[in-house]
PDB file of N, CA and C in Angstrom:
ATOM      1  N   UNK A   1      25.609 245.077 -55.608  1.00  0.00           N
ATOM      2  CA  UNK A   1      24.415 244.620 -56.414  1.00  0.00           C
ATOM      3  C   UNK A   1      24.150 243.160 -55.943  1.00  0.00           C
ATOM      4  N   UNK A   2      25.047 242.343 -56.164  1.00  0.00           N
ATOM      5  CA  UNK A   2      24.795 240.910 -55.879  1.00  0.00           C
ATOM      6  C   UNK A   2      24.490 240.609 -54.486  1.00  0.00           C
ATOM      7  N   UNK A   3      25.099 241.417 -53.558  1.00  0.00           N
ATOM      8  CA  UNK A   3      24.665 241.278 -52.151  1.00  0.00           C
ATOM      9  C   UNK A   3      23.308 241.621 -51.866  1.00  0.00           C
ATOM     10  N   UNK A   4      22.763 242.829 -52.471  1.00  0.00           N
ATOM     11  CA  UNK A   4      21.508 243.209 -52.342  1.00  0.00           C
ATOM     12  C   UNK A   4      20.368 242.216 -52.772  1.00  0.00           C
ATOM     13  N   UNK A   5      20.728 241.577 -53.927  1.00  0.00           N
ATOM     14  CA  UNK A   5      19.960 240.568 -54.644  1.00  0.00           C
ATOM     15  C   UNK A   5      19.797 239.400 -53.744  1.00  0.00           C
ATOM     16  N   UNK A   6      21.030 238.822 -53.269  1.00  0.00           N
ATOM     17  CA  UNK A   6      20.856 237.757 -52.354  1.00  0.00           C
ATOM     18  C   UNK A   6      20.195 237.956 -51.015  1.00  0.00           C
ATOM     19  N   UNK A   7      20.326 239.169 -50.594  1.00  0.00           N
ATOM     20  CA  UNK A   7      19.736 239.634 -49.307  1.00  0.00           C
ATOM     21  C   UNK A   7      18.206 239.593 -49.531  1.00  0.00           C
ATOM     22  N   UNK A   8      17.818 240.155 -50.601  1.00  0.00           N
ATOM     23  CA  UNK A   8      16.297 240.238 -50.912  1.00  0.00           C
ATOM     24  C   UNK A   8      15.784 238.728 -51.100  1.00  0.00           C
ATOM     25  N   UNK A   9      16.515 238.021 -51.819  1.00  0.00           N
ATOM     26  CA  UNK A   9      15.989 236.736 -52.086  1.00  0.00           C
ATOM     27  C   UNK A   9      15.971 235.804 -50.809  1.00  0.00           C
ATOM     28  N   UNK A  10      16.956 236.040 -49.945  1.00  0.00           N
ATOM     29  CA  UNK A  10      16.895 235.294 -48.646  1.00  0.00           C
ATOM     30  C   UNK A  10      15.744 235.797 -47.804  1.00  0.00           C
ATOM     31  N   UNK A  11      15.445 237.054 -47.798  1.00  0.00           N
ATOM     32  CA  UNK A  11      14.281 237.602 -47.046  1.00  0.00           C
ATOM     33  C   UNK A  11      12.978 237.071 -47.566  1.00  0.00           C
ATOM     34  N   UNK A  12      12.741 236.994 -48.883  1.00  0.00           N
ATOM     35  CA  UNK A  12      11.604 236.383 -49.465  1.00  0.00           C
ATOM     36  C   UNK A  12      11.538 234.977 -49.124  1.00  0.00           C
ATOM     37  N   UNK A  13      12.631 234.204 -49.130  1.00  0.00           N
ATOM     38  CA  UNK A  13      12.624 232.773 -48.835  1.00  0.00           C
ATOM     39  C   UNK A  13      12.165 232.619 -47.279  1.00  0.00           C
ATOM     40  N   UNK A  14      12.830 233.388 -46.493  1.00  0.00           N
ATOM     41  CA  UNK A  14      12.410 233.309 -45.038  1.00  0.00           C
ATOM     42  C   UNK A  14      10.862 233.587 -44.816  1.00  0.00           C
ATOM     43  N   UNK A  15      10.369 234.525 -45.470  1.00  0.00           N
ATOM     44  CA  UNK A  15       8.960 235.000 -45.438  1.00  0.00           C
ATOM     45  C   UNK A  15       8.189 233.748 -45.902  1.00  0.00           C
ATOM     46  N   UNK A  16       8.532 233.188 -46.932  1.00  0.00           N
ATOM     47  CA  UNK A  16       7.760 231.985 -47.593  1.00  0.00           C
ATOM     48  C   UNK A  16       7.767 230.886 -46.607  1.00  0.00           C
ATOM     49  N   UNK A  17       8.985 230.549 -46.058  1.00  0.00           N
ATOM     50  CA  UNK A  17       9.144 229.529 -45.057  1.00  0.00           C
ATOM     51  C   UNK A  17       8.326 229.720 -43.887  1.00  0.00           C
ATOM     52  N   UNK A  18       8.286 230.899 -43.343  1.00  0.00           N
ATOM     53  CA  UNK A  18       7.469 231.204 -42.154  1.00  0.00           C
ATOM     54  C   UNK A  18       5.974 231.056 -42.360  1.00  0.00           C
ATOM     55  N   UNK A  19       5.452 231.547 -43.559  1.00  0.00           N
ATOM     56  CA  UNK A  19       4.125 231.336 -43.963  1.00  0.00           C
ATOM     57  C   UNK A  19       3.879 229.862 -44.049  1.00  0.00           C
ATOM     58  N   UNK A  20       4.755 229.144 -44.602  1.00  0.00           N
ATOM     59  CA  UNK A  20       4.516 227.595 -44.751  1.00  0.00           C
ATOM     60  C   UNK A  20       4.440 226.933 -43.449  1.00  0.00           C
ATOM     61  N   UNK A  21       5.369 227.275 -42.650  1.00  0.00           N
ATOM     62  CA  UNK A  21       5.362 226.660 -41.370  1.00  0.00           C
ATOM     63  C   UNK A  21       4.080 227.064 -40.469  1.00  0.00           C
ATOM     64  N   UNK A  22       3.682 228.219 -40.620  1.00  0.00           N
ATOM     65  CA  UNK A  22       2.409 228.805 -39.973  1.00  0.00           C
ATOM     66  C   UNK A  22       1.227 227.875 -40.348  1.00  0.00           C
ATOM     67  N   UNK A  23       1.184 227.840 -41.778  1.00  0.00           N
ATOM     68  CA  UNK A  23      -0.114 227.117 -42.244  1.00  0.00           C
ATOM     69  C   UNK A  23      -0.127 225.668 -41.849  1.00  0.00           C
ATOM     70  N   UNK A  24       1.234 225.076 -41.859  1.00  0.00           N
ATOM     71  CA  UNK A  24       1.331 223.779 -41.450  1.00  0.00           C
ATOM     72  C   UNK A  24       1.013 223.647 -39.954  1.00  0.00           C
ATOM     73  N   UNK A  25       1.317 224.460 -38.966  1.00  0.00           N
ATOM     74  CA  UNK A  25       1.058 224.431 -37.636  1.00  0.00           C
ATOM     75  C   UNK A  25      -0.419 224.549 -37.458  1.00  0.00           C
ATOM     76  N   UNK A  26      -1.135 225.500 -38.242  1.00  0.00           N
ATOM     77  CA  UNK A  26      -2.526 225.727 -38.248  1.00  0.00           C
ATOM     78  C   UNK A  26      -3.268 224.419 -38.578  1.00  0.00           C
ATOM     79  N   UNK A  27      -2.830 223.943 -39.707  1.00  0.00           N
ATOM     80  CA  UNK A  27      -3.466 222.669 -40.200  1.00  0.00           C
ATOM     81  C   UNK A  27      -3.331 221.460 -39.207  1.00  0.00           C
ATOM     82  N   UNK A  28      -2.191 221.259 -38.666  1.00  0.00           N
ATOM     83  CA  UNK A  28      -1.930 220.114 -37.754  1.00  0.00           C
ATOM     84  C   UNK A  28      -2.703 220.278 -36.444  1.00  0.00           C
ATOM     85  N   UNK A  29      -2.846 221.634 -36.007  1.00  0.00           N
ATOM     86  CA  UNK A  29      -3.683 221.929 -34.883  1.00  0.00           C
ATOM     87  C   UNK A  29      -5.086 221.666 -35.092  1.00  0.00           C
ATOM     88  N   UNK A  30      -5.539 222.043 -36.394  1.00  0.00           N
ATOM     89  CA  UNK A  30      -6.919 221.816 -36.679  1.00  0.00           C
ATOM     90  C   UNK A  30      -7.212 220.376 -36.701  1.00  0.00           C
ATOM     91  N   UNK A  31      -6.356 219.524 -37.289  1.00  0.00           N
ATOM     92  CA  UNK A  31      -6.567 218.173 -37.415  1.00  0.00           C
ATOM     93  C   UNK A  31      -6.611 217.453 -35.989  1.00  0.00           C
ATOM     94  N   UNK A  32      -5.635 217.887 -35.086  1.00  0.00           N
ATOM     95  CA  UNK A  32      -5.684 217.360 -33.861  1.00  0.00           C
ATOM     96  C   UNK A  32      -7.035 217.715 -33.100  1.00  0.00           C
ATOM     97  N   UNK A  33      -7.467 218.904 -33.332  1.00  0.00           N
ATOM     98  CA  UNK A  33      -8.755 219.242 -32.623  1.00  0.00           C
ATOM     99  C   UNK A  33     -10.015 218.407 -33.232  1.00  0.00           C
ATOM    100  N   UNK A  34      -9.953 218.361 -34.450  1.00  0.00           N
ATOM    101  CA  UNK A  34     -10.847 217.524 -35.210  1.00  0.00           C
ATOM    102  C   UNK A  34     -10.885 215.961 -34.606  1.00  0.00           C
ATOM    103  N   UNK A  35      -9.618 215.491 -34.484  1.00  0.00           N
ATOM    104  CA  UNK A  35      -9.386 214.044 -34.031  1.00  0.00           C
ATOM    105  C   UNK A  35      -9.914 213.932 -32.540  1.00  0.00           C
ATOM    106  N   UNK A  36      -9.776 214.992 -31.778  1.00  0.00           N
ATOM    107  CA  UNK A  36     -10.059 214.996 -30.413  1.00  0.00           C
ATOM    108  C   UNK A  36     -11.609 215.109 -30.285  1.00  0.00           C
ATOM    109  N   UNK A  37     -12.324 215.673 -31.250  1.00  0.00           N
ATOM    110  CA  UNK A  37     -13.675 215.722 -31.253  1.00  0.00           C
ATOM    111  C   UNK A  37     -14.260 214.323 -31.555  1.00  0.00           C
ATOM    112  N   UNK A  38     -13.688 213.773 -32.512  1.00  0.00           N
ATOM    113  CA  UNK A  38     -14.102 212.440 -32.788  1.00  0.00           C
ATOM    114  C   UNK A  38     -13.748 211.293 -31.898  1.00  0.00           C
ATOM    115  N   UNK A  39     -12.627 211.437 -31.248  1.00  0.00           N
ATOM    116  CA  UNK A  39     -12.207 210.480 -30.285  1.00  0.00           C
ATOM    117  C   UNK A  39     -11.835 211.282 -28.954  1.00  0.00           C
ATOM    118  N   UNK A  40     -12.848 211.699 -28.243  1.00  0.00           N
ATOM    119  CA  UNK A  40     -12.506 212.524 -26.989  1.00  0.00           C
ATOM    120  C   UNK A  40     -11.783 211.709 -25.824  1.00  0.00           C
ATOM    121  N   UNK A  41     -11.845 210.471 -25.895  1.00  0.00           N
ATOM    122  CA  UNK A  41     -11.100 209.738 -24.770  1.00  0.00           C
ATOM    123  C   UNK A  41      -9.651 209.743 -24.980  1.00  0.00           C
ATOM    124  N   UNK A  42      -9.313 209.821 -26.295  1.00  0.00           N
ATOM    125  CA  UNK A  42      -7.890 209.818 -26.665  1.00  0.00           C
ATOM    126  C   UNK A  42      -7.177 211.201 -26.584  1.00  0.00           C
ATOM    127  N   UNK A  43      -6.491 211.406 -25.513  1.00  0.00           N
ATOM    128  CA  UNK A  43      -5.907 212.791 -25.417  1.00  0.00           C
ATOM    129  C   UNK A  43      -4.309 212.775 -25.691  1.00  0.00           C
ATOM    130  N   UNK A  44      -3.875 211.543 -26.064  1.00  0.00           N
ATOM    131  CA  UNK A  44      -2.416 211.480 -26.552  1.00  0.00           C
ATOM    132  C   UNK A  44      -2.185 212.176 -27.752  1.00  0.00           C
ATOM    133  N   UNK A  45      -3.155 212.600 -28.490  1.00  0.00           N
ATOM    134  CA  UNK A  45      -2.868 213.537 -29.748  1.00  0.00           C
ATOM    135  C   UNK A  45      -2.589 214.887 -29.187  1.00  0.00           C
TER     136      UNK A  45
END
């Protein structure tokens, strides 16, 4: 019983973490794109 609970909890945590990382990646990519539009000469971003 406890093992099943821990397993389910870990799975939910992994999903939450994956979603958070994805949204973070999308956000940083969007900001980089926005910055490159504002400053096209700066490709270091």
